[in-house]
């Protein structure tokens, strides 16, 4: 289970609530642990990540490209098959979606 102080953050609580009820406890824990690892990877807590990505004053995305690139780099850094890498990147995307923000969607190689 992720660090309790991390789970106390508003962003992580939203993400935890957003996770499907049909996930097993192990599947749920995997996703929460991936978010904890990603948070360490970018050296930011979850609430800071959500605040960083969107400027409320101008209603514009600021660091969307940064977090998209970091999510992809993080997912690839753990190795595995292309589907495993995509799964991990999608968990990060889901975190931002659960918090009302979006990363840039992945582009297929053929585009």
N, C-alpha and C. Protein backbone atom coordinates (compact mmCIF):
# COMPACT_ATOMS: atom_id res chain seq x y z
N UNK A 1 0.84 -1.18 0.00
CA UNK A 1 0.00 0.00 0.00
C UNK A 1 0.89 1.24 0.00
N UNK A 2 0.50 2.27 -0.74
CA UNK A 2 1.31 3.49 -0.78
C UNK A 2 1.42 4.16 0.60
N UNK A 3 2.36 5.04 0.70
CA UNK A 3 2.61 5.81 1.91
C UNK A 3 1.30 6.49 2.35
N UNK A 4 0.91 6.36 3.63
CA UNK A 4 -0.33 6.98 4.11
C UNK A 4 -0.38 8.49 3.91
N UNK A 5 0.76 9.17 4.03
CA UNK A 5 0.75 10.62 3.81
C UNK A 5 0.42 10.95 2.36
N UNK A 6 0.85 10.11 1.46
CA UNK A 6 0.53 10.31 0.04
C UNK A 6 -0.96 10.05 -0.19
N UNK A 7 -1.48 9.02 0.44
CA UNK A 7 -2.90 8.70 0.29
C UNK A 7 -3.80 9.76 0.92
N UNK A 8 -3.26 10.57 1.80
CA UNK A 8 -4.03 11.64 2.43
C UNK A 8 -4.25 12.82 1.50
N UNK A 9 -3.49 12.88 0.41
CA UNK A 9 -3.64 14.00 -0.52
C UNK A 9 -4.99 13.94 -1.22
N UNK A 10 -5.53 15.09 -1.51
CA UNK A 10 -6.83 15.19 -2.17
C UNK A 10 -6.81 14.50 -3.52
N UNK A 11 -5.74 14.69 -4.28
CA UNK A 11 -5.63 14.11 -5.62
C UNK A 11 -5.64 12.59 -5.57
N UNK A 12 -4.93 12.00 -4.61
CA UNK A 12 -4.90 10.54 -4.50
C UNK A 12 -6.25 10.00 -4.04
N UNK A 13 -6.92 10.72 -3.17
CA UNK A 13 -8.25 10.29 -2.72
C UNK A 13 -9.24 10.30 -3.88
N UNK A 14 -9.16 11.33 -4.72
CA UNK A 14 -10.02 11.37 -5.92
C UNK A 14 -9.72 10.20 -6.84
N UNK A 15 -8.44 9.92 -7.05
CA UNK A 15 -8.04 8.81 -7.91
C UNK A 15 -8.53 7.48 -7.33
N UNK A 16 -8.36 7.30 -6.04
CA UNK A 16 -8.79 6.06 -5.39
C UNK A 16 -10.30 5.88 -5.55
N UNK A 17 -11.06 6.94 -5.39
CA UNK A 17 -12.53 6.85 -5.58
C UNK A 17 -12.89 6.56 -7.02
N UNK A 18 -12.08 7.05 -7.94
CA UNK A 18 -12.34 6.91 -9.38
C UNK A 18 -12.10 5.48 -9.88
N UNK A 19 -11.25 4.74 -9.19
CA UNK A 19 -10.93 3.38 -9.63
C UNK A 19 -12.18 2.51 -9.60
N UNK A 20 -12.31 1.67 -10.59
CA UNK A 20 -13.49 0.81 -10.72
C UNK A 20 -13.67 -0.09 -9.50
N UNK A 21 -14.92 -0.28 -9.13
CA UNK A 21 -15.24 -1.15 -8.00
C UNK A 21 -14.97 -2.61 -8.30
N UNK A 22 -14.90 -2.95 -9.59
CA UNK A 22 -14.69 -4.36 -9.94
C UNK A 22 -13.21 -4.77 -9.93
N UNK A 23 -12.31 -3.85 -9.56
CA UNK A 23 -10.89 -4.20 -9.44
C UNK A 23 -10.67 -5.03 -8.18
N UNK A 24 -9.78 -5.98 -8.27
CA UNK A 24 -9.42 -6.73 -7.08
C UNK A 24 -8.55 -5.83 -6.19
N UNK A 25 -8.41 -6.17 -4.92
CA UNK A 25 -7.53 -5.37 -4.05
C UNK A 25 -6.10 -5.28 -4.59
N UNK A 26 -5.61 -6.36 -5.21
CA UNK A 26 -4.25 -6.33 -5.78
C UNK A 26 -4.16 -5.39 -6.97
N UNK A 27 -5.19 -5.39 -7.82
CA UNK A 27 -5.19 -4.49 -8.99
C UNK A 27 -5.26 -3.03 -8.55
N UNK A 28 -6.05 -2.77 -7.54
CA UNK A 28 -6.19 -1.42 -6.99
C UNK A 28 -4.85 -0.96 -6.40
N UNK A 29 -4.23 -1.84 -5.62
CA UNK A 29 -2.96 -1.52 -4.99
C UNK A 29 -1.86 -1.28 -6.04
N UNK A 30 -1.86 -2.06 -7.11
CA UNK A 30 -0.90 -1.88 -8.20
C UNK A 30 -1.00 -0.46 -8.76
N UNK A 31 -2.21 -0.01 -9.02
CA UNK A 31 -2.41 1.33 -9.58
C UNK A 31 -1.98 2.42 -8.61
N UNK A 32 -2.33 2.27 -7.35
CA UNK A 32 -1.93 3.26 -6.34
C UNK A 32 -0.42 3.28 -6.17
N UNK A 33 0.21 2.10 -6.19
CA UNK A 33 1.67 2.04 -6.09
C UNK A 33 2.35 2.66 -7.30
N UNK A 34 1.78 2.46 -8.49
CA UNK A 34 2.34 3.09 -9.69
C UNK A 34 2.31 4.61 -9.56
N UNK A 35 1.22 5.13 -9.01
CA UNK A 35 1.13 6.58 -8.82
C UNK A 35 2.15 7.07 -7.81
N UNK A 36 2.37 6.29 -6.76
CA UNK A 36 3.38 6.66 -5.78
C UNK A 36 4.76 6.69 -6.43
N UNK A 37 5.07 5.69 -7.25
CA UNK A 37 6.36 5.64 -7.95
C UNK A 37 6.49 6.81 -8.93
N UNK A 38 5.40 7.13 -9.62
CA UNK A 38 5.44 8.25 -10.57
C UNK A 38 5.67 9.56 -9.83
N UNK A 39 5.04 9.71 -8.69
CA UNK A 39 5.21 10.91 -7.88
C UNK A 39 6.68 11.09 -7.50
N UNK A 40 7.33 10.01 -7.13
CA UNK A 40 8.76 10.06 -6.81
C UNK A 40 9.58 10.33 -8.07
N UNK A 41 9.17 9.75 -9.19
CA UNK A 41 9.88 9.91 -10.47
C UNK A 41 9.94 11.39 -10.88
N UNK A 42 8.83 12.11 -10.70
CA UNK A 42 8.79 13.53 -11.08
C UNK A 42 9.09 14.45 -9.90
N UNK A 43 9.33 13.85 -8.71
CA UNK A 43 9.67 14.59 -7.50
C UNK A 43 8.61 15.65 -7.15
N UNK A 44 7.35 15.23 -7.22
CA UNK A 44 6.23 16.10 -6.87
C UNK A 44 5.15 15.26 -6.21
N UNK A 45 4.45 15.86 -5.26
CA UNK A 45 3.34 15.14 -4.65
C UNK A 45 2.13 15.23 -5.57
N UNK A 46 1.14 14.35 -5.41
CA UNK A 46 0.00 14.32 -6.32
C UNK A 46 -0.77 15.65 -6.41
N UNK A 47 -0.98 16.32 -5.29
CA UNK A 47 -1.69 17.60 -5.34
C UNK A 47 -0.92 18.64 -6.15
N UNK A 48 0.39 18.63 -6.03
CA UNK A 48 1.22 19.56 -6.80
C UNK A 48 1.14 19.25 -8.29
N UNK A 49 1.13 17.97 -8.64
CA UNK A 49 1.03 17.60 -10.05
C UNK A 49 -0.26 18.13 -10.66
N UNK A 50 -1.37 17.97 -9.95
CA UNK A 50 -2.66 18.43 -10.45
C UNK A 50 -2.66 19.96 -10.57
N UNK A 51 -2.08 20.64 -9.58
CA UNK A 51 -2.02 22.11 -9.62
C UNK A 51 -1.09 22.60 -10.73
N UNK A 52 0.01 21.87 -10.97
CA UNK A 52 1.00 22.27 -11.99
C UNK A 52 0.45 22.23 -13.40
N UNK A 53 -0.37 21.25 -13.70
CA UNK A 53 -0.73 20.97 -15.08
C UNK A 53 -1.69 22.01 -15.67
N UNK A 54 -2.44 22.71 -14.81
CA UNK A 54 -3.46 23.62 -15.31
C UNK A 54 -3.42 24.92 -14.53
N UNK A 55 -3.43 26.05 -15.25
CA UNK A 55 -3.44 27.37 -14.61
C UNK A 55 -4.89 27.83 -14.48
N UNK A 56 -5.39 27.82 -13.26
CA UNK A 56 -6.79 28.21 -13.01
C UNK A 56 -7.06 29.66 -13.42
N UNK A 57 -6.08 30.55 -13.22
CA UNK A 57 -6.28 31.97 -13.51
C UNK A 57 -6.51 32.22 -15.00
N UNK A 58 -5.77 31.51 -15.84
CA UNK A 58 -5.90 31.72 -17.29
C UNK A 58 -6.76 30.65 -17.95
N UNK A 59 -7.12 29.63 -17.18
CA UNK A 59 -7.90 28.49 -17.69
C UNK A 59 -7.20 27.81 -18.87
N UNK A 60 -5.87 27.66 -18.74
CA UNK A 60 -5.08 27.02 -19.79
C UNK A 60 -4.14 25.99 -19.17
N UNK A 61 -3.86 24.96 -19.97
CA UNK A 61 -2.87 23.97 -19.55
C UNK A 61 -1.49 24.59 -19.61
N UNK A 62 -0.64 24.24 -18.62
CA UNK A 62 0.73 24.76 -18.59
C UNK A 62 1.76 23.67 -18.80
N UNK A 63 1.70 22.64 -18.01
CA UNK A 63 2.75 21.62 -18.05
C UNK A 63 2.20 20.30 -18.57
N UNK A 64 1.26 20.38 -19.47
CA UNK A 64 0.65 19.17 -20.02
C UNK A 64 1.69 18.33 -20.76
N UNK A 65 2.50 18.97 -21.58
CA UNK A 65 3.55 18.26 -22.32
C UNK A 65 4.57 17.64 -21.38
N UNK A 66 4.94 18.36 -20.34
CA UNK A 66 5.90 17.85 -19.36
C UNK A 66 5.38 16.56 -18.73
N UNK A 67 4.15 16.58 -18.23
CA UNK A 67 3.61 15.40 -17.57
C UNK A 67 3.33 14.26 -18.55
N UNK A 68 2.96 14.58 -19.76
CA UNK A 68 2.78 13.55 -20.78
C UNK A 68 4.11 12.85 -21.05
N UNK A 69 5.15 13.64 -21.26
CA UNK A 69 6.48 13.08 -21.51
C UNK A 69 6.98 12.28 -20.32
N UNK A 70 6.76 12.80 -19.12
CA UNK A 70 7.21 12.11 -17.91
C UNK A 70 6.44 10.80 -17.69
N UNK A 71 5.15 10.80 -17.97
CA UNK A 71 4.35 9.57 -17.83
C UNK A 71 4.87 8.50 -18.78
N UNK A 72 5.17 8.90 -20.00
CA UNK A 72 5.70 7.94 -20.98
C UNK A 72 7.10 7.46 -20.59
N UNK A 73 7.95 8.37 -20.13
CA UNK A 73 9.31 8.00 -19.72
C UNK A 73 9.26 7.07 -18.51
N UNK A 74 8.40 7.38 -17.56
CA UNK A 74 8.25 6.54 -16.37
C UNK A 74 7.79 5.14 -16.76
N UNK A 75 6.77 5.07 -17.59
CA UNK A 75 6.22 3.78 -18.02
C UNK A 75 7.28 2.94 -18.72
N UNK A 76 8.08 3.58 -19.57
CA UNK A 76 9.13 2.87 -20.30
C UNK A 76 10.29 2.47 -19.39
N UNK A 77 10.54 3.28 -18.35
CA UNK A 77 11.69 3.01 -17.47
C UNK A 77 11.53 1.70 -16.69
N UNK A 78 10.29 1.23 -16.55
CA UNK A 78 10.05 -0.01 -15.81
C UNK A 78 10.13 -1.24 -16.70
N UNK A 79 10.33 -1.01 -18.01
CA UNK A 79 10.50 -2.12 -18.95
C UNK A 79 9.22 -2.88 -19.21
N UNK A 80 9.37 -4.02 -19.85
CA UNK A 80 8.22 -4.87 -20.15
C UNK A 80 7.77 -4.73 -21.59
N UNK A 81 6.68 -5.39 -21.88
CA UNK A 81 6.13 -5.39 -23.24
C UNK A 81 5.49 -4.04 -23.55
N UNK A 82 5.26 -3.77 -24.84
CA UNK A 82 4.58 -2.52 -25.20
C UNK A 82 3.22 -2.37 -24.50
N UNK A 83 2.49 -3.46 -24.31
CA UNK A 83 1.19 -3.35 -23.65
C UNK A 83 1.35 -3.03 -22.16
N UNK A 84 2.41 -3.53 -21.53
CA UNK A 84 2.66 -3.19 -20.12
C UNK A 84 3.04 -1.72 -19.98
N UNK A 85 3.85 -1.23 -20.90
CA UNK A 85 4.25 0.17 -20.89
C UNK A 85 3.02 1.06 -21.09
N UNK A 86 2.17 0.71 -22.03
CA UNK A 86 0.95 1.47 -22.29
C UNK A 86 0.02 1.44 -21.08
N UNK A 87 -0.11 0.28 -20.45
CA UNK A 87 -0.94 0.16 -19.24
C UNK A 87 -0.47 1.15 -18.17
N UNK A 88 0.84 1.17 -17.91
CA UNK A 88 1.36 2.07 -16.87
C UNK A 88 1.13 3.53 -17.22
N UNK A 89 1.37 3.90 -18.47
CA UNK A 89 1.13 5.29 -18.89
C UNK A 89 -0.36 5.62 -18.75
N UNK A 90 -1.22 4.67 -19.06
CA UNK A 90 -2.66 4.91 -18.94
C UNK A 90 -3.11 5.06 -17.49
N UNK A 91 -2.44 4.39 -16.57
CA UNK A 91 -2.76 4.58 -15.15
C UNK A 91 -2.48 6.03 -14.76
N UNK A 92 -1.36 6.57 -15.24
CA UNK A 92 -1.02 7.97 -14.95
C UNK A 92 -2.06 8.89 -15.59
N UNK A 93 -2.44 8.61 -16.82
CA UNK A 93 -3.48 9.41 -17.49
C UNK A 93 -4.79 9.38 -16.70
N UNK A 94 -5.14 8.20 -16.20
CA UNK A 94 -6.37 8.04 -15.43
C UNK A 94 -6.33 8.86 -14.15
N UNK A 95 -5.15 8.94 -13.53
CA UNK A 95 -4.99 9.78 -12.34
C UNK A 95 -5.37 11.23 -12.65
N UNK A 96 -4.84 11.75 -13.75
CA UNK A 96 -5.14 13.14 -14.11
C UNK A 96 -6.62 13.31 -14.48
N UNK A 97 -7.18 12.35 -15.19
CA UNK A 97 -8.60 12.41 -15.55
C UNK A 97 -9.46 12.43 -14.28
N UNK A 98 -9.12 11.59 -13.31
CA UNK A 98 -9.88 11.55 -12.05
C UNK A 98 -9.84 12.88 -11.32
N UNK A 99 -8.82 13.67 -11.61
CA UNK A 99 -8.66 14.98 -10.99
C UNK A 99 -9.05 16.12 -11.92
N UNK A 100 -9.80 15.80 -12.97
CA UNK A 100 -10.34 16.84 -13.85
C UNK A 100 -9.35 17.42 -14.85
N UNK A 101 -8.25 16.74 -15.09
CA UNK A 101 -7.23 17.21 -16.04
C UNK A 101 -6.93 16.10 -17.03
N UNK A 102 -6.33 16.47 -18.14
CA UNK A 102 -6.01 15.48 -19.17
C UNK A 102 -4.59 15.66 -19.66
N UNK A 103 -3.95 14.52 -19.90
CA UNK A 103 -2.65 14.53 -20.58
C UNK A 103 -2.91 14.44 -22.08
N UNK A 104 -1.89 14.72 -22.84
CA UNK A 104 -2.01 14.57 -24.29
C UNK A 104 -2.14 13.09 -24.60
N UNK A 105 -3.16 12.71 -25.40
CA UNK A 105 -3.34 11.28 -25.70
C UNK A 105 -2.18 10.73 -26.53
N UNK A 106 -1.90 9.45 -26.38
CA UNK A 106 -0.80 8.86 -27.16
C UNK A 106 -1.16 8.80 -28.64
N UNK A 107 -0.16 8.94 -29.47
CA UNK A 107 -0.36 8.85 -30.91
C UNK A 107 0.14 7.49 -31.38
N UNK A 108 -0.67 6.77 -32.14
CA UNK A 108 -0.18 5.50 -32.67
C UNK A 108 1.01 5.74 -33.61
N UNK A 109 1.87 4.74 -33.71
CA UNK A 109 3.06 4.86 -34.55
C UNK A 109 2.73 5.17 -36.00
N UNK A 110 1.59 4.70 -36.46
CA UNK A 110 1.26 4.87 -37.88
C UNK A 110 0.78 6.28 -38.21
N UNK A 111 0.57 7.11 -37.22
CA UNK A 111 0.09 8.49 -37.50
C UNK A 111 1.24 9.42 -37.75
